[in-house]
């Protein structure tokens, strides 16, 4: 799935190893169980509670991981 978004200017799909070098990041976001999926603005990540199949995740990403109306995207 990550490869499907590799060239996207607006969507980032990444994984973090919370048992290794990513442990401080996971601690910052209160991740205690695995796997945990988060989405949204990095300053306000939300829990993902949808389906875990590739099709479910892809549909969610296509619908929700996009630019929103803002000062830099006033046309939206």
N, C-alpha and C. Protein backbone atom coordinates (compact mmCIF):
# COMPACT_ATOMS: atom_id res chain seq x y z
N UNK A 1 0.82 -1.19 0.00
CA UNK A 1 0.00 0.00 0.00
C UNK A 1 0.86 1.25 0.00
N UNK A 2 1.94 1.25 0.76
CA UNK A 2 2.78 2.44 0.84
C UNK A 2 3.25 2.85 -0.54
N UNK A 3 3.59 1.90 -1.39
CA UNK A 3 4.07 2.22 -2.74
C UNK A 3 3.02 2.96 -3.55
N UNK A 4 1.74 2.71 -3.32
CA UNK A 4 0.66 3.38 -4.06
C UNK A 4 0.65 4.89 -3.81
N UNK A 5 1.24 5.33 -2.72
CA UNK A 5 1.23 6.74 -2.37
C UNK A 5 2.61 7.37 -2.41
N UNK A 6 3.59 6.65 -2.92
CA UNK A 6 4.98 7.10 -2.89
C UNK A 6 5.19 8.44 -3.59
N UNK A 7 4.49 8.70 -4.67
CA UNK A 7 4.69 9.94 -5.42
C UNK A 7 3.60 10.98 -5.17
N UNK A 8 2.78 10.77 -4.17
CA UNK A 8 1.68 11.69 -3.89
C UNK A 8 2.19 12.96 -3.23
N UNK A 9 1.78 14.11 -3.76
CA UNK A 9 2.17 15.37 -3.12
C UNK A 9 1.34 15.68 -1.87
N UNK A 10 0.23 14.95 -1.66
CA UNK A 10 -0.71 15.27 -0.58
C UNK A 10 -0.93 14.16 0.43
N UNK A 11 -0.48 12.96 0.14
CA UNK A 11 -0.78 11.83 1.01
C UNK A 11 0.51 11.17 1.46
N UNK A 12 0.61 10.88 2.74
CA UNK A 12 1.73 10.17 3.30
C UNK A 12 1.20 8.94 4.00
N UNK A 13 1.67 7.79 3.59
CA UNK A 13 1.35 6.54 4.27
C UNK A 13 2.69 5.96 4.70
N UNK A 14 2.86 5.75 5.99
CA UNK A 14 4.14 5.30 6.51
C UNK A 14 3.93 4.32 7.65
N UNK A 15 4.98 3.58 7.95
CA UNK A 15 4.92 2.70 9.12
C UNK A 15 6.06 3.07 10.07
N UNK A 16 5.83 2.79 11.34
CA UNK A 16 6.81 3.10 12.37
C UNK A 16 6.97 1.86 13.25
N UNK A 17 8.22 1.49 13.51
CA UNK A 17 8.51 0.38 14.40
C UNK A 17 8.55 0.91 15.83
N UNK A 18 7.49 0.66 16.58
CA UNK A 18 7.38 1.20 17.93
C UNK A 18 8.23 0.43 18.94
N UNK A 19 8.84 -0.65 18.51
CA UNK A 19 9.71 -1.40 19.40
C UNK A 19 11.17 -1.07 19.14
N UNK A 20 11.43 -0.23 18.15
CA UNK A 20 12.80 0.13 17.79
C UNK A 20 13.00 1.62 17.86
N UNK A 21 13.62 2.17 16.81
CA UNK A 21 13.97 3.59 16.78
C UNK A 21 12.74 4.49 16.84
N UNK A 22 11.56 3.98 16.47
CA UNK A 22 10.35 4.79 16.49
C UNK A 22 9.66 4.86 17.84
N UNK A 23 10.22 4.21 18.84
CA UNK A 23 9.56 4.17 20.15
C UNK A 23 9.24 5.55 20.72
N UNK A 24 10.15 6.54 20.67
CA UNK A 24 9.79 7.87 21.19
C UNK A 24 8.60 8.49 20.46
N UNK A 25 8.51 8.31 19.16
CA UNK A 25 7.38 8.84 18.40
C UNK A 25 6.08 8.18 18.85
N UNK A 26 6.11 6.88 19.03
CA UNK A 26 4.92 6.16 19.47
C UNK A 26 4.51 6.60 20.87
N UNK A 27 5.49 6.82 21.74
CA UNK A 27 5.19 7.31 23.09
C UNK A 27 4.51 8.68 23.03
N UNK A 28 4.99 9.55 22.14
CA UNK A 28 4.41 10.89 22.01
C UNK A 28 2.93 10.84 21.63
N UNK A 29 2.55 9.82 20.84
CA UNK A 29 1.17 9.72 20.37
C UNK A 29 0.34 8.69 21.16
N UNK A 30 0.89 8.20 22.26
CA UNK A 30 0.14 7.31 23.13
C UNK A 30 -0.18 5.95 22.53
N UNK A 31 0.65 5.47 21.65
CA UNK A 31 0.41 4.17 21.03
C UNK A 31 0.92 3.09 21.98
N UNK A 32 -0.01 2.21 22.38
CA UNK A 32 0.32 1.15 23.33
C UNK A 32 0.09 -0.23 22.76
N UNK A 33 -0.81 -0.37 21.80
CA UNK A 33 -1.10 -1.67 21.20
C UNK A 33 -0.73 -1.68 19.74
N UNK A 34 -0.50 -2.87 19.23
CA UNK A 34 -0.07 -2.99 17.84
C UNK A 34 -0.95 -4.01 17.12
N UNK A 35 -1.33 -3.79 15.89
CA UNK A 35 -1.05 -2.58 15.13
C UNK A 35 -2.04 -1.46 15.46
N UNK A 36 -1.55 -0.26 15.47
CA UNK A 36 -2.37 0.93 15.68
C UNK A 36 -2.26 1.79 14.44
N UNK A 37 -3.38 2.24 13.94
CA UNK A 37 -3.39 3.11 12.76
C UNK A 37 -3.90 4.49 13.16
N UNK A 38 -3.17 5.51 12.75
CA UNK A 38 -3.55 6.90 13.01
C UNK A 38 -3.63 7.62 11.67
N UNK A 39 -4.40 8.70 11.63
CA UNK A 39 -4.51 9.47 10.40
C UNK A 39 -4.82 10.92 10.72
N UNK A 40 -4.55 11.80 9.76
CA UNK A 40 -4.93 13.20 9.90
C UNK A 40 -3.74 14.12 10.03
N UNK A 41 -4.02 15.30 10.52
CA UNK A 41 -3.00 16.32 10.71
C UNK A 41 -1.99 15.82 11.75
N UNK A 42 -0.70 15.91 11.46
CA UNK A 42 0.30 15.42 12.41
C UNK A 42 0.20 16.05 13.80
N UNK A 43 -0.36 17.24 13.89
CA UNK A 43 -0.51 17.86 15.20
C UNK A 43 -1.80 17.43 15.91
N UNK A 44 -2.63 16.64 15.23
CA UNK A 44 -3.90 16.19 15.81
C UNK A 44 -4.30 14.85 15.20
N UNK A 45 -3.45 13.84 15.33
CA UNK A 45 -3.73 12.54 14.74
C UNK A 45 -4.95 11.90 15.39
N UNK A 46 -5.74 11.23 14.56
CA UNK A 46 -6.95 10.56 15.01
C UNK A 46 -6.77 9.05 14.88
N UNK A 47 -7.49 8.29 15.70
CA UNK A 47 -7.47 6.83 15.57
C UNK A 47 -8.24 6.41 14.34
N UNK A 48 -7.71 5.45 13.62
CA UNK A 48 -8.42 4.86 12.48
C UNK A 48 -9.12 3.62 13.00
N UNK A 49 -10.43 3.53 12.77
CA UNK A 49 -11.20 2.40 13.27
C UNK A 49 -11.90 1.62 12.17
N UNK A 50 -11.51 1.85 10.92
CA UNK A 50 -12.15 1.18 9.79
C UNK A 50 -11.58 -0.21 9.54
N UNK A 51 -11.98 -0.76 8.40
CA UNK A 51 -11.52 -2.08 8.01
C UNK A 51 -10.02 -2.12 7.79
N UNK A 52 -9.46 -3.31 7.86
CA UNK A 52 -8.01 -3.47 7.74
C UNK A 52 -7.57 -4.11 6.43
N UNK A 53 -8.51 -4.39 5.54
CA UNK A 53 -8.11 -4.95 4.25
C UNK A 53 -7.49 -3.85 3.39
N UNK A 54 -6.72 -4.24 2.40
CA UNK A 54 -6.12 -3.27 1.50
C UNK A 54 -7.20 -2.38 0.88
N UNK A 55 -8.28 -2.97 0.39
CA UNK A 55 -9.34 -2.20 -0.26
C UNK A 55 -9.96 -1.19 0.70
N UNK A 56 -10.18 -1.59 1.96
CA UNK A 56 -10.73 -0.67 2.97
C UNK A 56 -9.78 0.50 3.21
N UNK A 57 -8.50 0.18 3.40
CA UNK A 57 -7.51 1.22 3.68
C UNK A 57 -7.34 2.16 2.49
N UNK A 58 -7.30 1.61 1.29
CA UNK A 58 -7.12 2.42 0.08
C UNK A 58 -8.31 3.37 -0.09
N UNK A 59 -9.51 2.86 0.08
CA UNK A 59 -10.71 3.69 -0.07
C UNK A 59 -10.71 4.81 0.98
N UNK A 60 -10.36 4.49 2.21
CA UNK A 60 -10.30 5.50 3.26
C UNK A 60 -9.26 6.57 2.92
N UNK A 61 -8.08 6.15 2.49
CA UNK A 61 -7.01 7.10 2.16
C UNK A 61 -7.43 7.99 1.00
N UNK A 62 -8.02 7.40 -0.04
CA UNK A 62 -8.44 8.19 -1.19
C UNK A 62 -9.49 9.23 -0.82
N UNK A 63 -10.35 8.89 0.13
CA UNK A 63 -11.43 9.80 0.52
C UNK A 63 -10.98 10.85 1.54
N UNK A 64 -10.06 10.47 2.44
CA UNK A 64 -9.75 11.33 3.57
C UNK A 64 -8.37 11.98 3.57
N UNK A 65 -7.42 11.42 2.88
CA UNK A 65 -6.07 11.97 2.89
C UNK A 65 -5.89 12.87 1.67
N UNK A 66 -6.40 14.08 1.79
CA UNK A 66 -6.34 15.03 0.68
C UNK A 66 -6.26 16.44 1.26
N UNK A 67 -5.85 17.40 0.46
CA UNK A 67 -5.79 18.77 0.95
C UNK A 67 -7.18 19.27 1.35
N UNK A 68 -7.21 20.09 2.38
CA UNK A 68 -8.45 20.69 2.83
C UNK A 68 -8.38 22.19 2.63
N UNK A 69 -9.49 22.84 2.69
CA UNK A 69 -9.54 24.29 2.57
C UNK A 69 -8.66 24.91 3.66
N UNK A 70 -7.79 25.80 3.22
CA UNK A 70 -6.91 26.49 4.14
C UNK A 70 -6.38 27.75 3.44
N UNK A 71 -5.54 28.48 4.11
CA UNK A 71 -4.98 29.69 3.52
C UNK A 71 -4.19 29.33 2.26
N UNK A 72 -3.49 28.20 2.28
CA UNK A 72 -2.70 27.80 1.11
C UNK A 72 -3.54 27.09 0.05
N UNK A 73 -4.74 26.63 0.41
CA UNK A 73 -5.64 25.96 -0.52
C UNK A 73 -7.00 26.64 -0.51
N UNK A 74 -7.03 27.92 -0.69
CA UNK A 74 -8.26 28.72 -0.58
C UNK A 74 -9.32 28.26 -1.59
N UNK A 75 -8.89 27.71 -2.72
CA UNK A 75 -9.83 27.29 -3.75
C UNK A 75 -10.64 26.06 -3.32
N UNK A 76 -10.21 25.36 -2.29
CA UNK A 76 -10.92 24.18 -1.84
C UNK A 76 -12.04 24.55 -0.88
